[in-house]
C-alpha atoms as a PDB file:
ATOM      1  CA  MET A   1     161.993 219.879 110.590  1.00  0.00           C
ATOM      2  CA  LYS A   2     164.743 219.498 107.980  1.00  0.00           C
ATOM      3  CA  SER A   3     164.274 220.768 104.485  1.00  0.00           C
ATOM      4  CA  PHE A   4     164.419 218.337 101.605  1.00  0.00           C
ATOM      5  CA  LYS A   5     167.610 219.972 100.295  1.00  0.00           C
ATOM      6  CA  SER A   6     169.507 219.511 103.589  1.00  0.00           C
ATOM      7  CA  TYR A   7     168.315 215.894 103.754  1.00  0.00           C
ATOM      8  CA  ILE A   8     169.689 215.204 100.258  1.00  0.00           C
ATOM      9  CA  GLN A   9     173.036 216.765 101.212  1.00  0.00           C
ATOM     10  CA  GLU A  10     173.284 214.510 104.284  1.00  0.00           C
ATOM     11  CA  VAL A  11     172.495 211.421 102.215  1.00  0.00           C
ATOM     12  CA  GLU A  12     175.187 212.379  99.687  1.00  0.00           C
ATOM     13  CA  LEU A  13     177.756 212.831 102.470  1.00  0.00           C
ATOM     14  CA  ASP A  14     176.958 209.390 103.885  1.00  0.00           C
ATOM     15  CA  GLU A  15     177.522 207.826 100.467  1.00  0.00           C
ATOM     16  CA  VAL A  16     181.062 206.649  99.679  1.00  0.00           C
ATOM     17  CA  ALA A  17     182.866 208.858  97.157  1.00  0.00           C
ATOM     18  CA  ALA A  18     183.119 207.687  93.537  1.00  0.00           C
ATOM     19  CA  TRP A  19     186.919 207.486  93.654  1.00  0.00           C
ATOM     20  CA  GLN A  20     186.586 204.668  96.213  1.00  0.00           C
ATOM     21  CA  ARG A  21     183.955 202.758  94.230  1.00  0.00           C
ATOM     22  CA  LYS A  22     183.985 200.901  90.931  1.00  0.00           C
ATOM     23  CA  GLU A  23     182.283 203.719  89.019  1.00  0.00           C
ATOM     24  CA  GLY A  24     185.190 206.064  89.762  1.00  0.00           C
ATOM     25  CA  LYS A  25     187.882 203.610  88.728  1.00  0.00           C
ATOM     26  CA  SER A  26     189.101 202.907  85.240  1.00  0.00           C
ATOM     27  CA  GLU A  27     189.023 199.334  83.981  1.00  0.00           C
ATOM     28  CA  SER A  28     192.584 199.749  82.711  1.00  0.00           C
ATOM     29  CA  GLY A  29     193.819 200.916  86.124  1.00  0.00           C
ATOM     30  CA  GLY A  30     193.731 204.173  88.064  1.00  0.00           C
ATOM     31  CA  LEU A  31     190.882 206.649  88.326  1.00  0.00           C
ATOM     32  CA  ASN A  32     188.618 207.886  85.558  1.00  0.00           C
ATOM     33  CA  ARG A  33     187.463 211.514  85.239  1.00  0.00           C
ATOM     34  CA  LYS A  34     184.500 210.990  87.591  1.00  0.00           C
ATOM     35  CA  GLY A  35     186.785 209.462  90.219  1.00  0.00           C
ATOM     36  CA  ILE A  36     189.271 212.321  90.013  1.00  0.00           C
ATOM     37  CA  GLU A  37     186.511 214.934  90.315  1.00  0.00           C
ATOM     38  CA  SER A  38     185.075 213.211  93.405  1.00  0.00           C
ATOM     39  CA  TYR A  39     188.552 213.016  94.975  1.00  0.00           C
ATOM     40  CA  ARG A  40     189.083 216.745  94.407  1.00  0.00           C
ATOM     41  CA  ARG A  41     185.682 217.503  95.985  1.00  0.00           C
ATOM     42  CA  GLU A  42     186.574 215.462  99.078  1.00  0.00           C
ATOM     43  CA  ASN A  43     190.094 216.902  99.296  1.00  0.00           C
ATOM     44  CA  PRO A  44     190.014 220.657  98.584  1.00  0.00           C
ATOM     45  CA  GLY A  45     193.331 221.968  97.320  1.00  0.00           C
ATOM     46  CA  SER A  46     194.248 218.625  95.766  1.00  0.00           C
ATOM     47  CA  LYS A  47     196.166 218.771  92.501  1.00  0.00           C
ATOM     48  CA  LEU A  48     195.360 215.215  91.403  1.00  0.00           C
ATOM     49  CA  SER A  49     195.279 215.029  87.611  1.00  0.00           C
ATOM     50  CA  MET A  50     194.726 212.423  84.909  1.00  0.00           C
ATOM     51  CA  ALA A  51     197.374 209.849  84.016  1.00  0.00           C
ATOM     52  CA  VAL A  52     199.868 210.692  81.272  1.00  0.00           C
ATOM     53  CA  THR A  53     198.829 208.027  78.778  1.00  0.00           C
ATOM     54  CA  THR A  54     200.658 209.531  75.791  1.00  0.00           C
ATOM     55  CA  LYS A  55     203.342 207.302  74.322  1.00  0.00           C
ATOM     56  CA  PRO A  56     206.814 208.367  75.499  1.00  0.00           C
ATOM     57  CA  SER A  57     207.954 208.840  71.892  1.00  0.00           C
ATOM     58  CA  LYS A  58     205.185 211.425  71.367  1.00  0.00           C
ATOM     59  CA  LEU A  59     206.070 213.447  74.502  1.00  0.00           C
ATOM     60  CA  LYS A  60     208.437 216.365  74.192  1.00  0.00           C
ATOM     61  CA  PRO A  61     211.531 215.523  76.307  1.00  0.00           C
ATOM     62  CA  GLY A  62     211.655 217.606  79.475  1.00  0.00           C
ATOM     63  CA  SER A  63     208.008 218.708  79.192  1.00  0.00           C
ATOM     64  CA  LYS A  64     205.792 218.788  82.280  1.00  0.00           C
ATOM     65  CA  ALA A  65     203.941 215.652  81.167  1.00  0.00           C
ATOM     66  CA  ALA A  66     207.193 213.790  80.423  1.00  0.00           C
ATOM     67  CA  LYS A  67     208.545 214.674  83.861  1.00  0.00           C
ATOM     68  CA  ARG A  68     205.312 213.526  85.587  1.00  0.00           C
ATOM     69  CA  ARG A  69     205.420 210.246  83.681  1.00  0.00           C
ATOM     70  CA  LYS A  70     209.091 209.647  84.470  1.00  0.00           C
ATOM     71  CA  SER A  71     208.548 210.406  88.160  1.00  0.00           C
ATOM     72  CA  PHE A  72     205.475 208.167  88.385  1.00  0.00           C
ATOM     73  CA  CYS A  73     207.203 205.274  86.636  1.00  0.00           C
ATOM     74  CA  ALA A  74     210.253 205.528  88.913  1.00  0.00           C
ATOM     75  CA  ARG A  75     208.094 205.673  92.041  1.00  0.00           C
ATOM     76  CA  MET A  76     205.730 202.848  91.089  1.00  0.00           C
ATOM     77  CA  GLY A  77     208.528 200.674  89.691  1.00  0.00           C
ATOM     78  CA  GLY A  78     210.232 200.908  93.071  1.00  0.00           C
ATOM     79  CA  MET A  79     207.001 200.031  94.872  1.00  0.00           C
ATOM     80  CA  LYS A  80     206.471 197.027  92.636  1.00  0.00           C
ATOM     81  CA  LYS A  81     209.994 195.801  93.277  1.00  0.00           C
ATOM     82  CA  ARG A  82     210.006 196.269  97.057  1.00  0.00           C
ATOM     83  CA  LEU A  83     206.427 196.247  98.311  1.00  0.00           C
ATOM     84  CA  THR A  84     204.645 193.523  96.372  1.00  0.00           C
ATOM     85  CA  SER A  85     204.714 189.767  96.561  1.00  0.00           C
ATOM     86  CA  ALA A  86     206.057 187.735  93.637  1.00  0.00           C
ATOM     87  CA  LYS A  87     202.473 186.675  92.867  1.00  0.00           C
ATOM     88  CA  THR A  88     201.240 190.296  92.645  1.00  0.00           C
ATOM     89  CA  ALA A  89     204.289 191.467  90.703  1.00  0.00           C
ATOM     90  CA  ASN A  90     203.718 188.794  88.029  1.00  0.00           C
ATOM     91  CA  ASP A  91     199.918 189.107  87.865  1.00  0.00           C
ATOM     92  CA  PRO A  92     198.967 191.181  84.780  1.00  0.00           C
ATOM     93  CA  ASP A  93     195.630 192.120  86.399  1.00  0.00           C
ATOM     94  CA  SER A  94     197.128 193.514  89.622  1.00  0.00           C
ATOM     95  CA  ARG A  95     196.448 197.222  90.246  1.00  0.00           C
ATOM     96  CA  ILE A  96     200.143 198.116  90.163  1.00  0.00           C
ATOM     97  CA  ASN A  97     200.738 196.394  86.813  1.00  0.00           C
ATOM     98  CA  LYS A  98     197.622 197.981  85.311  1.00  0.00           C
ATOM     99  CA  ALA A  99     198.839 201.405  86.437  1.00  0.00           C
ATOM    100  CA  LEU A 100     202.335 200.864  85.026  1.00  0.00           C
ATOM    101  CA  ARG A 101     200.848 199.722  81.694  1.00  0.00           C
ATOM    102  CA  LYS A 102     198.495 202.707  81.542  1.00  0.00           C
ATOM    103  CA  TRP A 103     201.385 205.148  82.083  1.00  0.00           C
ATOM    104  CA  ASN A 104     203.529 203.280  79.478  1.00  0.00           C
ATOM    105  CA  CYS A 105     206.216 202.402  82.024  1.00  0.00           C
END
């Protein structure tokens, strides 16, 4: 007979992680803190961190955060240009446009 604790653990494993559900996603695009924590739990060793939402003018040039932001914007800008339809690229509510707005790209 299984203990109650092991049963609860099995139920939690069967449940979809927060980062894949609405409660783990931010309304403005990307993942919220709960989503990032659930992603790290599912993927040990992951270095996923929060978006750099600081305005570019407030970031120190060459800082770690400024470099992450610049890299993200370059990568996602390229994806938007090459991998999305014209409809998605022009839709302000598309996930890619929300992400670019959140990162101040």
